[in-house]
């Protein structure tokens, strides 16, 4: 049996996610096993959280969050710096 590279795409079904799924499927080789995971499923969302996924689309390869998908998502400090939570004078 040939070893497979496990590629998980975490998706919410939005157009940006669909575009990423298409790209991953286009780039994947015959030894890549691509699985699309629905973030609306509580088990998938829990797994995503354990991997450090903060926004979608996100990709994990062989159980590790791809570097391009790390350190994304809402950040309270950045949002506050942009004015969130501050009254308009």
Protein backbone atom coordinates (compact mmCIF):
# COMPACT_ATOMS: atom_id res chain seq x y z
CA UNK A 1 0.00 0.00 0.00
CA UNK A 2 1.30 3.43 -0.93
CA UNK A 3 1.56 6.05 1.81
CA UNK A 4 -0.82 8.98 1.45
CA UNK A 5 -0.35 12.60 2.50
CA UNK A 6 -3.47 13.60 4.48
CA UNK A 7 -4.76 17.03 3.51
CA UNK A 8 -7.71 18.43 5.48
CA UNK A 9 -9.46 21.56 4.25
CA UNK A 10 -11.56 23.26 6.93
CA UNK A 11 -14.44 25.05 5.24
CA UNK A 12 -17.60 26.97 6.07
CA UNK A 13 -18.92 26.58 2.53
CA UNK A 14 -18.35 30.22 1.59
CA UNK A 15 -17.04 31.34 -1.82
CA UNK A 16 -13.51 31.89 -0.42
CA UNK A 17 -13.56 28.35 1.01
CA UNK A 18 -14.78 26.90 -2.29
CA UNK A 19 -11.97 28.70 -4.13
CA UNK A 20 -9.43 27.22 -1.71
CA UNK A 21 -10.90 23.73 -2.08
CA UNK A 22 -10.63 24.02 -5.87
CA UNK A 23 -7.00 25.15 -5.58
CA UNK A 24 -6.05 22.34 -3.19
CA UNK A 25 -7.70 19.73 -5.41
CA UNK A 26 -5.93 21.17 -8.47
CA UNK A 27 -2.50 21.15 -6.79
CA UNK A 28 -2.88 17.80 -4.99
CA UNK A 29 -0.92 14.85 -6.39
CA UNK A 30 -2.07 11.23 -6.59
CA UNK A 31 -0.48 10.53 -3.18
CA UNK A 32 -2.57 13.29 -1.53
CA UNK A 33 -5.79 12.33 0.20
CA UNK A 34 -7.87 15.52 0.31
CA UNK A 35 -10.79 15.74 2.75
CA UNK A 36 -13.10 18.75 3.05
CA UNK A 37 -14.33 19.26 6.61
CA UNK A 38 -17.46 21.28 7.43
CA UNK A 39 -16.88 23.75 10.26
CA UNK A 40 -20.62 23.70 11.00
CA UNK A 41 -20.06 20.23 12.51
CA UNK A 42 -19.21 20.57 16.23
CA UNK A 43 -16.62 17.77 16.08
CA UNK A 44 -14.85 19.42 13.15
CA UNK A 45 -14.92 22.82 14.90
CA UNK A 46 -13.43 21.24 18.03
CA UNK A 47 -10.64 19.64 16.01
CA UNK A 48 -9.99 22.93 14.23
CA UNK A 49 -9.68 24.71 17.55
CA UNK A 50 -7.19 22.11 18.79
CA UNK A 51 -5.06 22.77 15.69
CA UNK A 52 -5.12 26.52 16.34
CA UNK A 53 -7.41 27.37 13.44
CA UNK A 54 -8.96 30.79 13.96
CA UNK A 55 -10.44 31.44 10.54
CA UNK A 56 -11.46 29.56 7.43
CA UNK A 57 -10.54 28.41 4.94
CA UNK A 58 -7.66 26.62 6.63
CA UNK A 59 -5.58 23.62 5.65
CA UNK A 60 -3.86 20.97 7.74
CA UNK A 61 -1.33 18.68 6.10
CA UNK A 62 -0.51 15.44 7.88
CA UNK A 63 -2.14 16.79 11.04
CA UNK A 64 -0.26 20.10 11.12
CA UNK A 65 -1.77 23.49 10.35
CA UNK A 66 -0.12 24.87 7.21
CA UNK A 67 2.03 27.95 7.90
CA UNK A 68 -0.11 30.03 5.54
CA UNK A 69 -3.13 29.41 7.79
CA UNK A 70 -1.57 30.23 11.16
CA UNK A 71 -1.95 33.49 13.09
CA UNK A 72 -5.10 34.55 11.30
CA UNK A 73 -8.50 35.44 12.58
CA UNK A 74 -9.94 38.16 14.75
CA UNK A 75 -7.60 39.63 17.32
CA UNK A 76 -9.05 41.77 20.11
CA UNK A 77 -6.02 44.06 20.35
CA UNK A 78 -6.07 44.82 16.62
CA UNK A 79 -9.83 45.36 16.62
CA UNK A 80 -9.63 47.74 19.56
CA UNK A 81 -6.82 49.65 17.81
CA UNK A 82 -9.14 50.00 14.82
CA UNK A 83 -11.82 51.56 17.02
CA UNK A 84 -13.99 48.65 18.14
CA UNK A 85 -15.49 49.36 21.55
CA UNK A 86 -14.75 53.07 21.39
CA UNK A 87 -17.53 55.61 21.23
CA UNK A 88 -17.50 58.10 18.40
CA UNK A 89 -16.93 61.57 19.84
